[in-house]
């Protein structure tokens, strides 16, 4: 990363933030039960896992490429990093809220909880 300017570092940080978001979407998808996707009328867990694994790998590669001498601006505006970011964003904005009620975190809500609080 020798010879990089301030703007190059800014775009590299954007690549890192995008990778963190893609990894967060992948980890969240791992914690959701398989039948939650069907109950929420979303695509299958298997399909979302494939999409998010590919997105995370592409995001990691895009975040590492500037360390190998590539321009962060050119990497950031490539089609694959943008597609990976969009896939993670769709999961986090659409699928995650739909399957969240089916997660079953265990100790968070007891069996004596109603829709408006404890009973």
C-alpha atoms as a PDB file:
ATOM      1  CA  UNK A   1       0.000   0.000   0.000  1.00  0.00           C
ATOM      2  CA  UNK A   2       2.896   2.313  -0.620  1.00  0.00           C
ATOM      3  CA  UNK A   3       2.071   5.487  -2.484  1.00  0.00           C
ATOM      4  CA  UNK A   4      -1.578   5.522  -1.448  1.00  0.00           C
ATOM      5  CA  UNK A   5      -3.248   8.835  -0.775  1.00  0.00           C
ATOM      6  CA  UNK A   6      -5.888   9.743   1.755  1.00  0.00           C
ATOM      7  CA  UNK A   7      -8.677   8.969  -0.704  1.00  0.00           C
ATOM      8  CA  UNK A   8      -7.241   5.493  -1.349  1.00  0.00           C
ATOM      9  CA  UNK A   9      -7.262   4.759   2.374  1.00  0.00           C
ATOM     10  CA  UNK A  10     -10.852   6.003   2.597  1.00  0.00           C
ATOM     11  CA  UNK A  11     -11.982   3.618  -0.138  1.00  0.00           C
ATOM     12  CA  UNK A  12     -10.017   0.765   1.443  1.00  0.00           C
ATOM     13  CA  UNK A  13     -11.863   1.399   4.719  1.00  0.00           C
ATOM     14  CA  UNK A  14     -15.125   1.227   2.769  1.00  0.00           C
ATOM     15  CA  UNK A  15     -14.041  -2.169   1.430  1.00  0.00           C
ATOM     16  CA  UNK A  16     -13.310  -3.341   4.976  1.00  0.00           C
ATOM     17  CA  UNK A  17     -16.697  -2.101   6.205  1.00  0.00           C
ATOM     18  CA  UNK A  18     -18.421  -3.918   3.336  1.00  0.00           C
ATOM     19  CA  UNK A  19     -16.598  -7.142   4.241  1.00  0.00           C
ATOM     20  CA  UNK A  20     -17.609  -6.817   7.896  1.00  0.00           C
ATOM     21  CA  UNK A  21     -21.229  -6.383   6.823  1.00  0.00           C
ATOM     22  CA  UNK A  22     -21.048  -9.442   4.571  1.00  0.00           C
ATOM     23  CA  UNK A  23     -19.505 -11.504   7.362  1.00  0.00           C
ATOM     24  CA  UNK A  24     -22.179 -10.285   9.794  1.00  0.00           C
ATOM     25  CA  UNK A  25     -24.925 -11.384   7.378  1.00  0.00           C
ATOM     26  CA  UNK A  26     -23.293 -14.803   7.030  1.00  0.00           C
ATOM     27  CA  UNK A  27     -22.961 -15.335  10.783  1.00  0.00           C
ATOM     28  CA  UNK A  28     -26.540 -14.214  11.330  1.00  0.00           C
ATOM     29  CA  UNK A  29     -27.801 -16.603   8.657  1.00  0.00           C
ATOM     30  CA  UNK A  30     -25.974 -19.458  10.372  1.00  0.00           C
ATOM     31  CA  UNK A  31     -27.910 -18.873  13.605  1.00  0.00           C
ATOM     32  CA  UNK A  32     -31.365 -18.996  12.007  1.00  0.00           C
ATOM     33  CA  UNK A  33     -33.155 -22.393  12.001  1.00  0.00           C
ATOM     34  CA  UNK A  34     -33.746 -23.946   8.597  1.00  0.00           C
ATOM     35  CA  UNK A  35     -37.545 -23.964   8.849  1.00  0.00           C
ATOM     36  CA  UNK A  36     -37.648 -20.242   9.707  1.00  0.00           C
ATOM     37  CA  UNK A  37     -37.038 -19.289   6.080  1.00  0.00           C
ATOM     38  CA  UNK A  38     -40.035 -21.290   4.865  1.00  0.00           C
ATOM     39  CA  UNK A  39     -42.186 -19.960   7.712  1.00  0.00           C
ATOM     40  CA  UNK A  40     -41.272 -16.397   6.703  1.00  0.00           C
ATOM     41  CA  UNK A  41     -41.888 -17.146   2.972  1.00  0.00           C
ATOM     42  CA  UNK A  42     -38.249 -16.523   2.038  1.00  0.00           C
ATOM     43  CA  UNK A  43     -35.783 -18.505  -0.051  1.00  0.00           C
ATOM     44  CA  UNK A  44     -34.265 -21.601   1.566  1.00  0.00           C
ATOM     45  CA  UNK A  45     -31.462 -21.444   4.103  1.00  0.00           C
ATOM     46  CA  UNK A  46     -29.254 -23.452   1.760  1.00  0.00           C
ATOM     47  CA  UNK A  47     -29.607 -20.847  -1.002  1.00  0.00           C
ATOM     48  CA  UNK A  48     -28.955 -17.940   1.378  1.00  0.00           C
ATOM     49  CA  UNK A  49     -25.919 -19.708   2.796  1.00  0.00           C
ATOM     50  CA  UNK A  50     -24.473 -20.185  -0.696  1.00  0.00           C
ATOM     51  CA  UNK A  51     -25.142 -16.537  -1.598  1.00  0.00           C
ATOM     52  CA  UNK A  52     -23.675 -15.185   1.641  1.00  0.00           C
ATOM     53  CA  UNK A  53     -20.605 -17.459   1.611  1.00  0.00           C
ATOM     54  CA  UNK A  54     -19.795 -16.315  -1.919  1.00  0.00           C
ATOM     55  CA  UNK A  55     -20.434 -12.690  -0.877  1.00  0.00           C
ATOM     56  CA  UNK A  56     -18.122 -13.008   2.133  1.00  0.00           C
ATOM     57  CA  UNK A  57     -15.348 -14.589   0.054  1.00  0.00           C
ATOM     58  CA  UNK A  58     -15.642 -11.878  -2.602  1.00  0.00           C
ATOM     59  CA  UNK A  59     -15.690  -9.217   0.121  1.00  0.00           C
ATOM     60  CA  UNK A  60     -12.579 -10.654   1.748  1.00  0.00           C
ATOM     61  CA  UNK A  61     -10.783 -10.788  -1.593  1.00  0.00           C
ATOM     62  CA  UNK A  62     -11.780  -7.194  -2.336  1.00  0.00           C
ATOM     63  CA  UNK A  63     -10.538  -6.041   1.071  1.00  0.00           C
ATOM     64  CA  UNK A  64      -7.193  -7.824   0.617  1.00  0.00           C
ATOM     65  CA  UNK A  65      -6.512  -6.768  -2.991  1.00  0.00           C
ATOM     66  CA  UNK A  66      -5.351  -3.235  -2.073  1.00  0.00           C
ATOM     67  CA  UNK A  67      -2.702  -4.819   0.150  1.00  0.00           C
ATOM     68  CA  UNK A  68      -1.354  -6.503  -2.987  1.00  0.00           C
ATOM     69  CA  UNK A  69      -0.993  -3.206  -4.850  1.00  0.00           C
ATOM     70  CA  UNK A  70      -4.376  -2.789  -6.533  1.00  0.00           C
ATOM     71  CA  UNK A  71      -6.148   0.539  -6.450  1.00  0.00           C
ATOM     72  CA  UNK A  72      -8.919   0.513  -3.806  1.00  0.00           C
ATOM     73  CA  UNK A  73     -11.060   2.753  -6.001  1.00  0.00           C
ATOM     74  CA  UNK A  74     -10.909   0.304  -8.908  1.00  0.00           C
ATOM     75  CA  UNK A  75     -11.624  -2.656  -6.612  1.00  0.00           C
ATOM     76  CA  UNK A  76     -14.532  -0.926  -4.848  1.00  0.00           C
ATOM     77  CA  UNK A  77     -16.303  -0.097  -8.085  1.00  0.00           C
ATOM     78  CA  UNK A  78     -15.886  -3.555  -9.585  1.00  0.00           C
ATOM     79  CA  UNK A  79     -19.046  -5.552 -10.266  1.00  0.00           C
ATOM     80  CA  UNK A  80     -18.299  -8.428  -7.871  1.00  0.00           C
ATOM     81  CA  UNK A  81     -17.730  -6.392  -4.684  1.00  0.00           C
ATOM     82  CA  UNK A  82     -20.841  -4.352  -5.434  1.00  0.00           C
ATOM     83  CA  UNK A  83     -22.910  -7.510  -6.030  1.00  0.00           C
ATOM     84  CA  UNK A  84     -21.577  -9.053  -2.801  1.00  0.00           C
ATOM     85  CA  UNK A  85     -22.510  -5.941  -0.841  1.00  0.00           C
ATOM     86  CA  UNK A  86     -26.001  -5.871  -2.370  1.00  0.00           C
ATOM     87  CA  UNK A  87     -26.562  -9.553  -1.509  1.00  0.00           C
ATOM     88  CA  UNK A  88     -25.618  -8.956   2.123  1.00  0.00           C
ATOM     89  CA  UNK A  89     -27.732  -5.793   2.230  1.00  0.00           C
ATOM     90  CA  UNK A  90     -30.780  -7.648   0.884  1.00  0.00           C
ATOM     91  CA  UNK A  91     -30.349 -10.335   3.517  1.00  0.00           C
ATOM     92  CA  UNK A  92     -29.945  -7.839   6.355  1.00  0.00           C
ATOM     93  CA  UNK A  93     -32.762  -5.537   5.227  1.00  0.00           C
ATOM     94  CA  UNK A  94     -35.359  -8.064   4.061  1.00  0.00           C
ATOM     95  CA  UNK A  95     -34.681 -11.618   5.210  1.00  0.00           C
ATOM     96  CA  UNK A  96     -33.240 -10.988   8.669  1.00  0.00           C
ATOM     97  CA  UNK A  97     -36.261  -9.036   9.984  1.00  0.00           C
ATOM     98  CA  UNK A  98     -38.624 -11.673   8.557  1.00  0.00           C
ATOM     99  CA  UNK A  99     -36.876 -14.657  10.189  1.00  0.00           C
ATOM    100  CA  UNK A 100     -35.952 -12.902  13.440  1.00  0.00           C
ATOM    101  CA  UNK A 101     -39.122 -13.989  15.317  1.00  0.00           C
ATOM    102  CA  UNK A 102     -38.264 -17.628  14.552  1.00  0.00           C
ATOM    103  CA  UNK A 103     -34.695 -17.480  15.876  1.00  0.00           C
ATOM    104  CA  UNK A 104     -35.536 -18.768  19.368  1.00  0.00           C
ATOM    105  CA  UNK A 105     -32.639 -17.306  21.326  1.00  0.00           C
ATOM    106  CA  UNK A 106     -33.513 -19.313  24.423  1.00  0.00           C
ATOM    107  CA  UNK A 107     -33.453 -17.238  27.594  1.00  0.00           C
ATOM    108  CA  UNK A 108     -34.567 -13.954  26.054  1.00  0.00           C
ATOM    109  CA  UNK A 109     -38.323 -14.516  26.156  1.00  0.00           C
ATOM    110  CA  UNK A 110     -39.738 -16.954  28.634  1.00  0.00           C
ATOM    111  CA  UNK A 111     -42.835 -19.074  28.121  1.00  0.00           C
ATOM    112  CA  UNK A 112     -44.883 -16.613  30.157  1.00  0.00           C
ATOM    113  CA  UNK A 113     -44.445 -13.797  27.628  1.00  0.00           C
ATOM    114  CA  UNK A 114     -47.425 -12.569  25.646  1.00  0.00           C
ATOM    115  CA  UNK A 115     -47.460 -10.212  22.690  1.00  0.00           C
ATOM    116  CA  UNK A 116     -47.646  -7.186  25.016  1.00  0.00           C
ATOM    117  CA  UNK A 117     -45.359  -8.387  27.818  1.00  0.00           C
ATOM    118  CA  UNK A 118     -45.432 -10.897  30.653  1.00  0.00           C
ATOM    119  CA  UNK A 119     -48.709 -12.394  31.857  1.00  0.00           C
END
